[in-house]
Amino acid sequence: MIVVNNDSSDETAAVAADLGARVVHEPIANRSRARNRGAEAARSRLYAFTDADCVVHRGWLEALLRSAPSAPLVAGDVVIRTTHNPNSIERYERLWRFGQRAWVEQGWAATANLLVQADAFDAIGGFDPAWRHIGEDSDFCIRARDAGFGLAYCADAIVEHDAEREYGPLLRRLFLHGYSTTQSFYRLGVGHRAWRDPAPALLGDGALRHVGHEPAGFQPDEWRRMARLARLGYAARVAGSVWAEVSRAR
């Protein structure tokens, strides 16, 4: 097990080392650089990636290994984990975060749960550090696909990711989502420039419908509550999209 200490400000590196992990250091805080550094230090022909804010299920690695022959890249499921009595922000997180199976059908996956053959990783040059925030995982998978390396899905390989519970982290993540989808538009030809369609941030339940939900299956009060959060989140996406345009994200 390799843990990349990517300019952390806590005791992550010491804790990991005490528990027997091999700790390597990447001093420049960048998700792509961190993952590339970990792959550089690895000696196996398969790389299984997850993130520091994820918890893997027992049997996660075995499930990925069983699926390894199916494709050069294999994505497992990512499940949002909430508290026993989730607040409205946690419930909203469950509505939109991590549609890994659907993403694989579109040709990409979150690197929070991804197995990659080392030969495929080397052939496409690893992750691109030019991605400033998020989006490097979709870029990696799309470049792999274009180079002829397929992507498969493994439902039995599961990691959990905590839901956000406060407004600040939620809005920051959605701001970065708006930034990165705009960056994807320019770099990959796919993505959503939210600033061009700001109406869902202002009116009705359009923002909640935008992430694939309908009123059926919700209590009226819960639908209105989730719609308000979705509008707020969409406004953060619009702001991130505007910032990407201003800063010429490419």
Protein backbone atom coordinates (compact mmCIF):
# COMPACT_ATOMS: atom_id res chain seq x y z
CA MET A 1 0.00 0.00 0.00
CA ILE A 2 1.32 3.41 -1.04
CA VAL A 3 0.09 6.62 0.56
CA VAL A 4 0.98 9.88 -1.17
CA ASN A 5 1.47 12.75 1.24
CA ASN A 6 0.42 15.65 -0.97
CA ASP A 7 1.35 18.73 1.07
CA SER A 8 -0.90 17.64 3.95
CA SER A 9 -1.14 19.83 7.04
CA ASP A 10 -2.02 17.09 9.54
CA GLU A 11 -0.48 13.81 10.73
CA THR A 12 -1.59 11.74 7.71
CA ALA A 13 1.91 10.68 6.73
CA ALA A 14 2.91 9.65 10.25
CA VAL A 15 -0.31 7.69 10.83
CA ALA A 16 0.01 5.90 7.49
CA ALA A 17 3.65 5.00 8.13
CA ASP A 18 2.85 3.72 11.64
CA LEU A 19 0.20 1.43 10.14
CA GLY A 20 2.65 -0.06 7.67
CA ALA A 21 1.98 1.89 4.48
CA ARG A 22 4.79 3.07 2.26
CA VAL A 23 4.61 6.87 2.31
CA VAL A 24 5.89 8.93 -0.60
CA HIS A 25 5.79 12.71 -0.87
CA GLU A 26 4.54 15.07 -3.56
CA PRO A 27 5.08 18.61 -2.24
CA ILE A 28 2.93 20.41 -4.87
CA ALA A 29 -0.75 20.10 -3.96
CA ASN A 30 -2.34 18.68 -7.09
CA ARG A 31 -4.47 15.55 -7.44
CA SER A 32 -2.90 14.48 -10.73
CA ARG A 33 0.65 14.96 -9.45
CA ALA A 34 -0.18 12.96 -6.32
CA ARG A 35 -1.59 10.02 -8.25
CA ASN A 36 1.28 10.06 -10.72
CA ARG A 37 3.75 10.04 -7.84
CA GLY A 38 2.03 7.03 -6.32
CA ALA A 39 2.10 5.15 -9.62
CA GLU A 40 5.77 6.01 -10.05
CA ALA A 41 6.54 4.43 -6.69
CA ALA A 42 4.48 1.29 -7.36
CA ARG A 43 6.05 -1.98 -8.50
CA SER A 44 2.93 -3.93 -9.52
CA ARG A 45 1.34 -4.14 -12.96
CA LEU A 46 -2.02 -3.03 -11.62
CA TYR A 47 -2.79 0.21 -9.78
CA ALA A 48 -5.87 0.46 -7.54
CA PHE A 49 -6.69 4.09 -6.72
CA THR A 50 -8.80 5.49 -3.92
CA ASP A 51 -8.79 8.78 -2.01
CA ALA A 52 -8.04 9.88 1.53
CA ASP A 53 -11.70 10.78 2.14
CA CYS A 54 -12.92 7.30 1.15
CA VAL A 55 -13.34 4.09 3.15
CA VAL A 56 -13.03 0.84 1.21
CA HIS A 57 -15.29 -2.13 1.90
CA ARG A 58 -13.78 -5.43 2.96
CA GLY A 59 -13.15 -7.38 -0.24
CA TRP A 60 -12.78 -4.21 -2.35
CA LEU A 61 -9.41 -5.11 -3.79
CA GLU A 62 -10.31 -8.76 -4.37
CA ALA A 63 -13.40 -7.70 -6.34
CA LEU A 64 -11.35 -5.37 -8.52
CA LEU A 65 -8.79 -8.10 -9.15
CA ARG A 66 -11.50 -10.54 -10.22
CA SER A 67 -12.70 -7.97 -12.76
CA ALA A 68 -9.22 -6.99 -13.95
CA PRO A 69 -9.28 -9.27 -17.04
CA SER A 70 -12.43 -7.56 -18.34
CA ALA A 71 -10.77 -4.26 -19.33
CA PRO A 72 -7.57 -2.23 -18.86
CA LEU A 73 -9.53 0.14 -16.60
CA VAL A 74 -12.12 -1.08 -14.08
CA ALA A 75 -14.24 1.26 -11.96
CA GLY A 76 -15.94 0.18 -8.74
CA ASP A 77 -18.95 1.74 -7.08
CA VAL A 78 -18.81 4.82 -4.82
CA VAL A 79 -21.51 5.03 -2.17
CA ILE A 80 -22.35 8.21 -0.27
CA ARG A 81 -22.28 7.63 3.49
CA THR A 82 -24.46 9.77 5.77
CA THR A 83 -24.96 10.00 9.51
CA HIS A 84 -27.70 7.98 11.22
CA ASN A 85 -30.04 10.98 11.10
CA PRO A 86 -28.90 12.85 7.96
CA ASN A 87 -29.52 16.56 7.70
CA SER A 88 -30.85 18.18 4.53
CA ILE A 89 -27.38 18.75 3.07
CA GLU A 90 -26.49 15.08 3.47
CA ARG A 91 -29.78 14.06 1.88
CA TYR A 92 -29.11 16.38 -1.05
CA GLU A 93 -25.63 14.90 -1.44
CA ARG A 94 -27.20 11.46 -1.84
CA LEU A 95 -29.25 12.79 -4.75
CA TRP A 96 -26.41 13.88 -7.00
CA ARG A 97 -22.99 12.58 -5.98
CA PHE A 98 -21.21 9.63 -7.63
CA GLY A 99 -23.26 8.00 -10.36
CA GLN A 100 -20.36 5.67 -11.13
CA ARG A 101 -22.28 3.05 -13.14
CA ALA A 102 -23.86 5.70 -15.37
CA TRP A 103 -20.53 7.48 -15.77
CA VAL A 104 -18.84 4.29 -16.93
CA GLU A 105 -21.51 3.99 -19.62
CA GLN A 106 -20.49 7.50 -20.73
CA GLY A 107 -16.83 6.49 -20.87
CA TRP A 108 -15.30 7.79 -17.66
CA ALA A 109 -15.22 7.21 -13.89
CA ALA A 110 -14.21 8.80 -10.61
CA THR A 111 -10.70 7.84 -9.54
CA ALA A 112 -11.95 7.39 -5.99
CA ASN A 113 -12.43 3.76 -7.06
CA LEU A 114 -10.47 2.80 -10.15
CA LEU A 115 -8.18 -0.07 -11.16
CA VAL A 116 -5.73 0.63 -14.00
CA GLN A 117 -3.29 -1.63 -15.80
CA ALA A 118 0.18 -0.15 -15.52
CA ASP A 119 0.76 -0.54 -19.27
CA ALA A 120 -2.34 1.54 -20.02
CA PHE A 121 -1.34 4.13 -17.43
CA ASP A 122 2.12 4.48 -18.97
CA ALA A 123 0.80 4.55 -22.54
CA ILE A 124 -1.32 7.65 -21.94
CA GLY A 125 1.19 9.40 -19.68
CA GLY A 126 -0.76 9.18 -16.43
CA PHE A 127 -2.90 12.00 -15.08
CA ASP A 128 -2.62 15.51 -16.49
CA PRO A 129 -1.51 18.08 -13.85
CA ALA A 130 -2.99 20.89 -15.95
CA TRP A 131 -6.35 20.15 -14.33
CA ARG A 132 -6.38 22.66 -11.50
CA HIS A 133 -9.24 21.33 -9.38
CA ILE A 134 -11.37 18.33 -10.35
CA GLY A 135 -11.96 16.68 -13.72
CA GLU A 136 -8.59 14.98 -14.11
CA ASP A 137 -10.24 11.57 -13.70
CA SER A 138 -12.68 12.05 -16.59
CA ASP A 139 -9.82 13.37 -18.72
CA PHE A 140 -7.70 10.32 -17.85
CA CYS A 141 -10.46 7.85 -18.76
CA ILE A 142 -11.37 9.63 -21.99
CA ARG A 143 -7.74 9.73 -23.12
CA ALA A 144 -7.44 6.04 -22.26
CA ARG A 145 -10.55 5.27 -24.31
CA ASP A 146 -9.24 7.26 -27.27
CA ALA A 147 -6.01 5.27 -27.06
CA GLY A 148 -7.95 2.00 -27.23
CA PHE A 149 -8.08 1.08 -23.53
CA GLY A 150 -11.57 0.08 -22.44
CA LEU A 151 -13.34 0.82 -19.16
CA ALA A 152 -15.47 -1.74 -17.28
CA TYR A 153 -17.64 -1.52 -14.16
CA CYS A 154 -17.46 -3.73 -11.06
CA ALA A 155 -20.46 -3.38 -8.75
CA ASP A 156 -18.89 -5.56 -6.03
CA ALA A 157 -15.87 -3.28 -5.49
CA ILE A 158 -17.28 -0.61 -3.19
CA VAL A 159 -15.86 2.42 -1.43
CA GLU A 160 -17.78 4.83 0.75
CA HIS A 161 -17.44 8.60 0.68
CA ASP A 162 -18.85 10.79 3.46
CA ALA A 163 -21.55 13.25 2.47
CA GLU A 164 -20.92 16.90 3.12
CA ARG A 165 -22.81 18.11 6.19
CA GLU A 166 -22.29 21.88 6.09
CA TYR A 167 -22.98 24.61 3.56
CA GLY A 168 -19.38 25.77 3.16
CA PRO A 169 -17.87 22.48 1.94
CA LEU A 170 -20.96 21.75 -0.19
CA LEU A 171 -20.82 25.08 -1.99
CA ARG A 172 -17.06 24.92 -2.42
CA ARG A 173 -17.35 21.51 -4.08
CA LEU A 174 -20.13 22.71 -6.38
CA PHE A 175 -18.13 25.84 -7.25
CA LEU A 176 -15.22 23.59 -8.28
CA HIS A 177 -17.65 21.35 -10.17
CA GLY A 178 -18.81 24.39 -12.18
CA TYR A 179 -15.21 25.41 -12.79
CA SER A 180 -14.13 21.97 -13.93
CA THR A 181 -17.08 21.21 -16.20
CA THR A 182 -16.32 24.47 -17.99
CA GLN A 183 -12.67 23.45 -18.22
CA SER A 184 -13.84 20.09 -19.64
CA PHE A 185 -15.84 21.92 -22.29
CA TYR A 186 -12.74 23.62 -23.61
CA ARG A 187 -10.28 20.77 -23.16
CA LEU A 188 -12.40 17.73 -24.04
CA GLY A 189 -15.35 19.09 -25.95
CA VAL A 190 -17.75 17.79 -23.29
CA GLY A 191 -19.04 19.55 -20.23
CA HIS A 192 -21.56 22.12 -19.10
CA ARG A 193 -20.96 25.86 -18.97
CA ALA A 194 -23.46 26.70 -16.24
CA TRP A 195 -23.08 30.46 -16.69
CA ARG A 196 -24.83 30.17 -20.05
CA ASP A 197 -27.97 28.80 -18.37
CA PRO A 198 -28.36 30.53 -14.98
CA ALA A 199 -32.16 30.20 -14.75
CA PRO A 200 -32.15 26.99 -12.63
CA ALA A 201 -30.36 28.95 -9.88
CA LEU A 202 -33.22 31.43 -9.72
CA LEU A 203 -36.54 29.76 -10.36
CA GLY A 204 -38.57 26.75 -9.28
CA ASP A 205 -37.26 23.19 -9.19
CA GLY A 206 -35.27 23.21 -12.43
CA ALA A 207 -31.93 22.78 -10.64
CA LEU A 208 -33.15 19.62 -8.91
CA ARG A 209 -34.56 18.24 -12.14
CA HIS A 210 -31.21 19.07 -13.77
CA VAL A 211 -29.54 16.40 -11.61
CA GLY A 212 -32.12 13.81 -12.68
CA HIS A 213 -34.94 13.94 -10.13
CA GLU A 214 -38.71 14.36 -10.35
CA PRO A 215 -41.30 15.16 -7.65
CA ALA A 216 -42.66 11.60 -7.67
CA GLY A 217 -41.19 9.72 -4.73
CA PHE A 218 -40.67 12.84 -2.59
CA GLN A 219 -42.88 14.26 0.10
CA PRO A 220 -43.88 17.81 -0.96
CA ASP A 221 -41.96 19.47 1.89
CA GLU A 222 -38.85 17.42 1.15
CA TRP A 223 -39.07 18.23 -2.58
CA ARG A 224 -39.23 21.95 -1.81
CA ARG A 225 -36.34 21.64 0.65
CA MET A 226 -34.16 19.76 -1.84
CA ALA A 227 -35.13 22.19 -4.61
CA ARG A 228 -33.90 25.13 -2.51
CA LEU A 229 -30.59 23.39 -1.89
CA ALA A 230 -30.30 22.51 -5.57
CA ARG A 231 -30.84 26.14 -6.57
CA LEU A 232 -28.15 27.25 -4.13
CA GLY A 233 -25.80 24.58 -5.43
CA TYR A 234 -26.49 25.49 -9.03
CA ALA A 235 -25.69 29.13 -8.22
CA ALA A 236 -22.31 27.95 -6.91
CA ARG A 237 -21.81 26.04 -10.17
CA VAL A 238 -22.61 29.18 -12.15
CA ALA A 239 -20.07 31.15 -10.10
CA GLY A 240 -17.41 28.48 -10.69
CA SER A 241 -18.19 28.47 -14.40
CA VAL A 242 -17.82 32.26 -14.57
CA TRP A 243 -14.50 32.05 -12.72
CA ALA A 244 -13.27 29.43 -15.21
CA GLU A 245 -14.08 31.78 -18.08
CA VAL A 246 -12.45 34.76 -16.38
CA SER A 247 -9.31 32.80 -15.57
CA ARG A 248 -9.32 31.21 -19.06
CA ALA A 249 -9.35 27.63 -17.78
CA ARG A 250 -8.02 25.44 -20.57
